[in-house]
Amino acid sequence: MALNLFLMLGAFLFCTGAYGVLARKSGVLILMSIELMLNAVTINLVAFSAFTHAVTGLVFALFVIAIAAAEVGVGLAIVLIIYRNSRTPNFDQLDQLRG
């Protein structure tokens, strides 16, 4: 398969994730959109690595996957604490984080 097909897939997934981050109000859906964006970056890294026959793209893809796992753990903990305190997962209704 051609490189441009993978790049278009990655661009589509990244744009979908960016739209999800900007348009959603729920904390869990925002985290899912960020994960979608990170997966799009991983697809692009693996595609470039396969195209150039280099291992560096695969190594960076492993780092992106590790960062995504850490982001899920920390982000979900923050969303659960916010839900426990305010009884809503919507970020638009939060006034507590203002100083």
N, C-alpha and C. Protein backbone atom coordinates (compact mmCIF):
# COMPACT_ATOMS: atom_id res chain seq x y z
N MET A 1 0.84 -1.18 0.00
CA MET A 1 0.00 0.00 0.00
C MET A 1 0.88 1.24 0.00
N ALA A 2 0.35 2.30 -0.51
CA ALA A 2 1.11 3.53 -0.64
C ALA A 2 1.15 4.29 0.69
N LEU A 3 2.19 5.09 0.82
CA LEU A 3 2.37 5.87 2.04
C LEU A 3 1.26 6.90 2.22
N ASN A 4 0.81 7.49 1.13
CA ASN A 4 -0.18 8.57 1.24
C ASN A 4 -1.52 8.07 1.80
N LEU A 5 -1.85 6.80 1.61
CA LEU A 5 -3.09 6.27 2.20
C LEU A 5 -3.00 6.25 3.72
N PHE A 6 -1.84 5.84 4.24
CA PHE A 6 -1.68 5.83 5.69
C PHE A 6 -1.65 7.25 6.26
N LEU A 7 -1.03 8.16 5.51
CA LEU A 7 -0.99 9.55 5.97
C LEU A 7 -2.37 10.19 5.95
N MET A 8 -3.18 9.87 4.96
CA MET A 8 -4.55 10.40 4.93
C MET A 8 -5.37 9.81 6.06
N LEU A 9 -5.19 8.52 6.36
CA LEU A 9 -5.89 7.91 7.49
C LEU A 9 -5.48 8.57 8.80
N GLY A 10 -4.18 8.79 8.98
CA GLY A 10 -3.70 9.47 10.19
C GLY A 10 -4.23 10.89 10.30
N ALA A 11 -4.26 11.61 9.17
CA ALA A 11 -4.78 12.97 9.19
C ALA A 11 -6.27 13.00 9.52
N PHE A 12 -7.02 12.06 8.95
CA PHE A 12 -8.45 11.98 9.24
C PHE A 12 -8.70 11.68 10.72
N LEU A 13 -7.95 10.72 11.27
CA LEU A 13 -8.12 10.38 12.68
C LEU A 13 -7.71 11.54 13.59
N PHE A 14 -6.63 12.23 13.22
CA PHE A 14 -6.19 13.37 14.02
C PHE A 14 -7.20 14.50 13.99
N CYS A 15 -7.75 14.79 12.83
CA CYS A 15 -8.76 15.85 12.73
C CYS A 15 -10.03 15.48 13.47
N THR A 16 -10.41 14.21 13.42
CA THR A 16 -11.58 13.75 14.17
C THR A 16 -11.34 13.90 15.67
N GLY A 17 -10.14 13.55 16.12
CA GLY A 17 -9.81 13.71 17.54
C GLY A 17 -9.76 15.17 17.96
N ALA A 18 -9.22 16.03 17.10
CA ALA A 18 -9.16 17.46 17.42
C ALA A 18 -10.57 18.05 17.51
N TYR A 19 -11.44 17.64 16.60
CA TYR A 19 -12.83 18.09 16.68
C TYR A 19 -13.48 17.60 17.98
N GLY A 20 -13.19 16.36 18.36
CA GLY A 20 -13.76 15.83 19.59
C GLY A 20 -13.29 16.58 20.82
N VAL A 21 -12.02 16.98 20.84
CA VAL A 21 -11.51 17.75 21.98
C VAL A 21 -12.17 19.11 22.06
N LEU A 22 -12.36 19.76 20.91
CA LEU A 22 -12.92 21.11 20.90
C LEU A 22 -14.44 21.14 21.10
N ALA A 23 -15.14 20.09 20.67
CA ALA A 23 -16.60 20.14 20.67
C ALA A 23 -17.24 19.43 21.86
N ARG A 24 -16.54 18.52 22.50
CA ARG A 24 -17.16 17.73 23.56
C ARG A 24 -17.09 18.45 24.90
N LYS A 25 -18.02 18.09 25.77
CA LYS A 25 -18.08 18.68 27.10
C LYS A 25 -17.74 17.66 28.18
N SER A 26 -17.94 16.38 27.89
CA SER A 26 -17.69 15.34 28.88
C SER A 26 -16.20 15.04 28.97
N GLY A 27 -15.72 14.87 30.17
CA GLY A 27 -14.31 14.60 30.37
C GLY A 27 -13.85 13.29 29.77
N VAL A 28 -14.68 12.27 29.85
CA VAL A 28 -14.32 10.97 29.30
C VAL A 28 -14.23 11.04 27.78
N LEU A 29 -15.14 11.75 27.14
CA LEU A 29 -15.10 11.87 25.68
C LEU A 29 -13.90 12.70 25.22
N ILE A 30 -13.50 13.67 26.02
CA ILE A 30 -12.30 14.44 25.68
C ILE A 30 -11.07 13.54 25.76
N LEU A 31 -11.00 12.70 26.79
CA LEU A 31 -9.88 11.77 26.90
C LEU A 31 -9.86 10.78 25.74
N MET A 32 -11.02 10.32 25.32
CA MET A 32 -11.08 9.41 24.16
C MET A 32 -10.62 10.10 22.89
N SER A 33 -10.93 11.37 22.75
CA SER A 33 -10.49 12.12 21.57
C SER A 33 -8.98 12.32 21.58
N ILE A 34 -8.41 12.55 22.75
CA ILE A 34 -6.96 12.68 22.85
C ILE A 34 -6.29 11.36 22.50
N GLU A 35 -6.88 10.25 22.93
CA GLU A 35 -6.35 8.94 22.57
C GLU A 35 -6.40 8.72 21.06
N LEU A 36 -7.47 9.18 20.44
CA LEU A 36 -7.59 9.06 18.98
C LEU A 36 -6.49 9.86 18.28
N MET A 37 -6.19 11.03 18.81
CA MET A 37 -5.12 11.84 18.23
C MET A 37 -3.76 11.16 18.40
N LEU A 38 -3.52 10.57 19.56
CA LEU A 38 -2.26 9.87 19.78
C LEU A 38 -2.14 8.64 18.88
N ASN A 39 -3.24 7.95 18.64
CA ASN A 39 -3.21 6.80 17.74
C ASN A 39 -2.94 7.24 16.30
N ALA A 40 -3.43 8.40 15.92
CA ALA A 40 -3.14 8.91 14.58
C ALA A 40 -1.66 9.21 14.42
N VAL A 41 -1.06 9.76 15.46
CA VAL A 41 0.38 10.02 15.42
C VAL A 41 1.15 8.70 15.32
N THR A 42 0.71 7.69 16.04
CA THR A 42 1.36 6.39 16.00
C THR A 42 1.27 5.78 14.60
N ILE A 43 0.13 5.90 13.96
CA ILE A 43 -0.02 5.39 12.60
C ILE A 43 0.96 6.08 11.66
N ASN A 44 1.08 7.39 11.79
CA ASN A 44 2.02 8.13 10.94
C ASN A 44 3.46 7.73 11.20
N LEU A 45 3.82 7.55 12.46
CA LEU A 45 5.19 7.14 12.78
C LEU A 45 5.52 5.76 12.20
N VAL A 46 4.60 4.82 12.33
CA VAL A 46 4.84 3.48 11.80
C VAL A 46 4.86 3.50 10.27
N ALA A 47 4.03 4.31 9.67
CA ALA A 47 4.02 4.39 8.20
C ALA A 47 5.33 4.97 7.68
N PHE A 48 5.83 6.03 8.30
CA PHE A 48 7.11 6.60 7.88
C PHE A 48 8.25 5.63 8.14
N SER A 49 8.17 4.89 9.24
CA SER A 49 9.21 3.93 9.55
C SER A 49 9.24 2.80 8.52
N ALA A 50 8.08 2.34 8.10
CA ALA A 50 8.03 1.29 7.08
C ALA A 50 8.47 1.82 5.72
N PHE A 51 8.18 3.07 5.44
CA PHE A 51 8.54 3.65 4.15
C PHE A 51 10.05 3.86 4.02
N THR A 52 10.68 4.28 5.11
CA THR A 52 12.12 4.55 5.06
C THR A 52 12.97 3.38 5.53
N HIS A 53 12.34 2.29 5.96
CA HIS A 53 13.04 1.10 6.47
C HIS A 53 13.95 1.44 7.63
N ALA A 54 13.46 2.29 8.52
CA ALA A 54 14.21 2.68 9.71
C ALA A 54 13.46 2.22 10.96
N VAL A 55 14.19 2.03 12.01
CA VAL A 55 13.60 1.54 13.25
C VAL A 55 13.20 2.69 14.17
N THR A 56 13.67 3.88 13.90
CA THR A 56 13.43 4.99 14.82
C THR A 56 11.94 5.33 14.94
N GLY A 57 11.20 5.21 13.85
CA GLY A 57 9.77 5.48 13.91
C GLY A 57 9.04 4.50 14.81
N LEU A 58 9.47 3.24 14.78
CA LEU A 58 8.86 2.24 15.65
C LEU A 58 9.18 2.50 17.12
N VAL A 59 10.41 2.95 17.38
CA VAL A 59 10.79 3.27 18.76
C VAL A 59 9.96 4.44 19.27
N PHE A 60 9.82 5.48 18.46
CA PHE A 60 9.00 6.62 18.86
C PHE A 60 7.54 6.20 19.03
N ALA A 61 7.06 5.27 18.21
CA ALA A 61 5.69 4.78 18.35
C ALA A 61 5.49 4.08 19.69
N LEU A 62 6.49 3.33 20.12
CA LEU A 62 6.40 2.70 21.44
C LEU A 62 6.35 3.74 22.56
N PHE A 63 7.12 4.81 22.41
CA PHE A 63 7.06 5.89 23.41
C PHE A 63 5.69 6.56 23.41
N VAL A 64 5.10 6.75 22.24
CA VAL A 64 3.77 7.36 22.17
C VAL A 64 2.73 6.47 22.84
N ILE A 65 2.85 5.16 22.64
CA ILE A 65 1.92 4.22 23.28
C ILE A 65 2.08 4.26 24.80
N ALA A 66 3.32 4.35 25.28
CA ALA A 66 3.55 4.44 26.73
C ALA A 66 2.99 5.74 27.30
N ILE A 67 3.18 6.83 26.58
CA ILE A 67 2.63 8.12 27.03
C ILE A 67 1.10 8.08 27.03
N ALA A 68 0.52 7.42 26.04
CA ALA A 68 -0.94 7.30 25.99
C ALA A 68 -1.48 6.51 27.17
N ALA A 69 -0.76 5.45 27.56
CA ALA A 69 -1.21 4.67 28.72
C ALA A 69 -1.12 5.49 30.01
N ALA A 70 -0.07 6.27 30.15
CA ALA A 70 0.06 7.12 31.34
C ALA A 70 -1.00 8.20 31.34
N GLU A 71 -1.30 8.75 30.16
CA GLU A 71 -2.32 9.80 30.06
C GLU A 71 -3.69 9.28 30.44
N VAL A 72 -3.98 8.05 30.06
CA VAL A 72 -5.28 7.46 30.42
C VAL A 72 -5.38 7.30 31.93
N GLY A 73 -4.34 6.82 32.55
CA GLY A 73 -4.38 6.62 34.00
C GLY A 73 -4.56 7.92 34.76
N VAL A 74 -3.75 8.91 34.44
CA VAL A 74 -3.82 10.19 35.14
C VAL A 74 -5.10 10.94 34.79
N GLY A 75 -5.45 10.97 33.51
CA GLY A 75 -6.65 11.69 33.08
C GLY A 75 -7.93 11.11 33.66
N LEU A 76 -8.02 9.79 33.66
CA LEU A 76 -9.23 9.17 34.21
C LEU A 76 -9.32 9.39 35.72
N ALA A 77 -8.19 9.41 36.40
CA ALA A 77 -8.22 9.70 37.84
C ALA A 77 -8.69 11.13 38.09
N ILE A 78 -8.25 12.07 37.27
CA ILE A 78 -8.69 13.46 37.42
C ILE A 78 -10.19 13.58 37.15
N VAL A 79 -10.67 12.92 36.11
CA VAL A 79 -12.10 12.97 35.79
C VAL A 79 -12.92 12.35 36.91
N LEU A 80 -12.46 11.25 37.49
CA LEU A 80 -13.19 10.62 38.60
C LEU A 80 -13.23 11.52 39.83
N ILE A 81 -12.15 12.21 40.13
CA ILE A 81 -12.14 13.13 41.27
C ILE A 81 -13.08 14.31 41.03
N ILE A 82 -13.08 14.82 39.82
CA ILE A 82 -13.99 15.93 39.48
C ILE A 82 -15.44 15.45 39.59
N TYR A 83 -15.72 14.24 39.12
CA TYR A 83 -17.09 13.71 39.19
C TYR A 83 -17.50 13.48 40.65
N ARG A 84 -16.58 13.01 41.46
CA ARG A 84 -16.89 12.77 42.86
C ARG A 84 -17.21 14.07 43.60
N ASN A 85 -16.52 15.14 43.25
CA ASN A 85 -16.74 16.42 43.94
C ASN A 85 -17.94 17.19 43.41
N SER A 86 -18.17 17.16 42.11
CA SER A 86 -19.23 18.01 41.56
C SER A 86 -20.42 17.24 41.00
N ARG A 87 -20.36 15.93 40.97
CA ARG A 87 -21.44 15.06 40.47
C ARG A 87 -21.77 15.29 39.00
N THR A 88 -20.82 15.82 38.24
CA THR A 88 -21.01 15.96 36.80
C THR A 88 -19.66 15.77 36.12
N PRO A 89 -19.62 15.01 35.03
CA PRO A 89 -18.34 14.86 34.30
C PRO A 89 -18.12 15.96 33.26
N ASN A 90 -19.06 16.90 33.16
CA ASN A 90 -18.94 17.97 32.17
C ASN A 90 -17.94 19.01 32.64
N PHE A 91 -17.04 19.38 31.75
CA PHE A 91 -16.03 20.36 32.10
C PHE A 91 -16.55 21.78 31.98
N ASP A 92 -17.63 21.99 31.30
CA ASP A 92 -18.18 23.34 31.15
C ASP A 92 -18.80 23.85 32.45
N GLN A 93 -19.23 22.96 33.32
CA GLN A 93 -19.92 23.37 34.53
C GLN A 93 -18.99 23.48 35.73
N LEU A 94 -17.70 23.45 35.50
CA LEU A 94 -16.76 23.48 36.62
C LEU A 94 -16.31 24.92 36.88
N ASP A 95 -16.50 25.34 38.10
CA ASP A 95 -15.99 26.64 38.54
C ASP A 95 -14.97 26.46 39.64
N GLN A 96 -14.75 25.24 40.10
CA GLN A 96 -13.86 24.99 41.22
C GLN A 96 -12.39 25.21 40.86
N LEU A 97 -12.04 25.03 39.61
CA LEU A 97 -10.63 25.10 39.23
C LEU A 97 -10.15 26.54 39.07
N ARG A 98 -11.05 27.49 39.14
CA ARG A 98 -10.63 28.89 39.11
C ARG A 98 -10.16 29.29 40.50
N GLY A 99 -9.09 30.06 40.56
CA GLY A 99 -8.49 30.41 41.83
C GLY A 99 -9.28 31.26 42.66
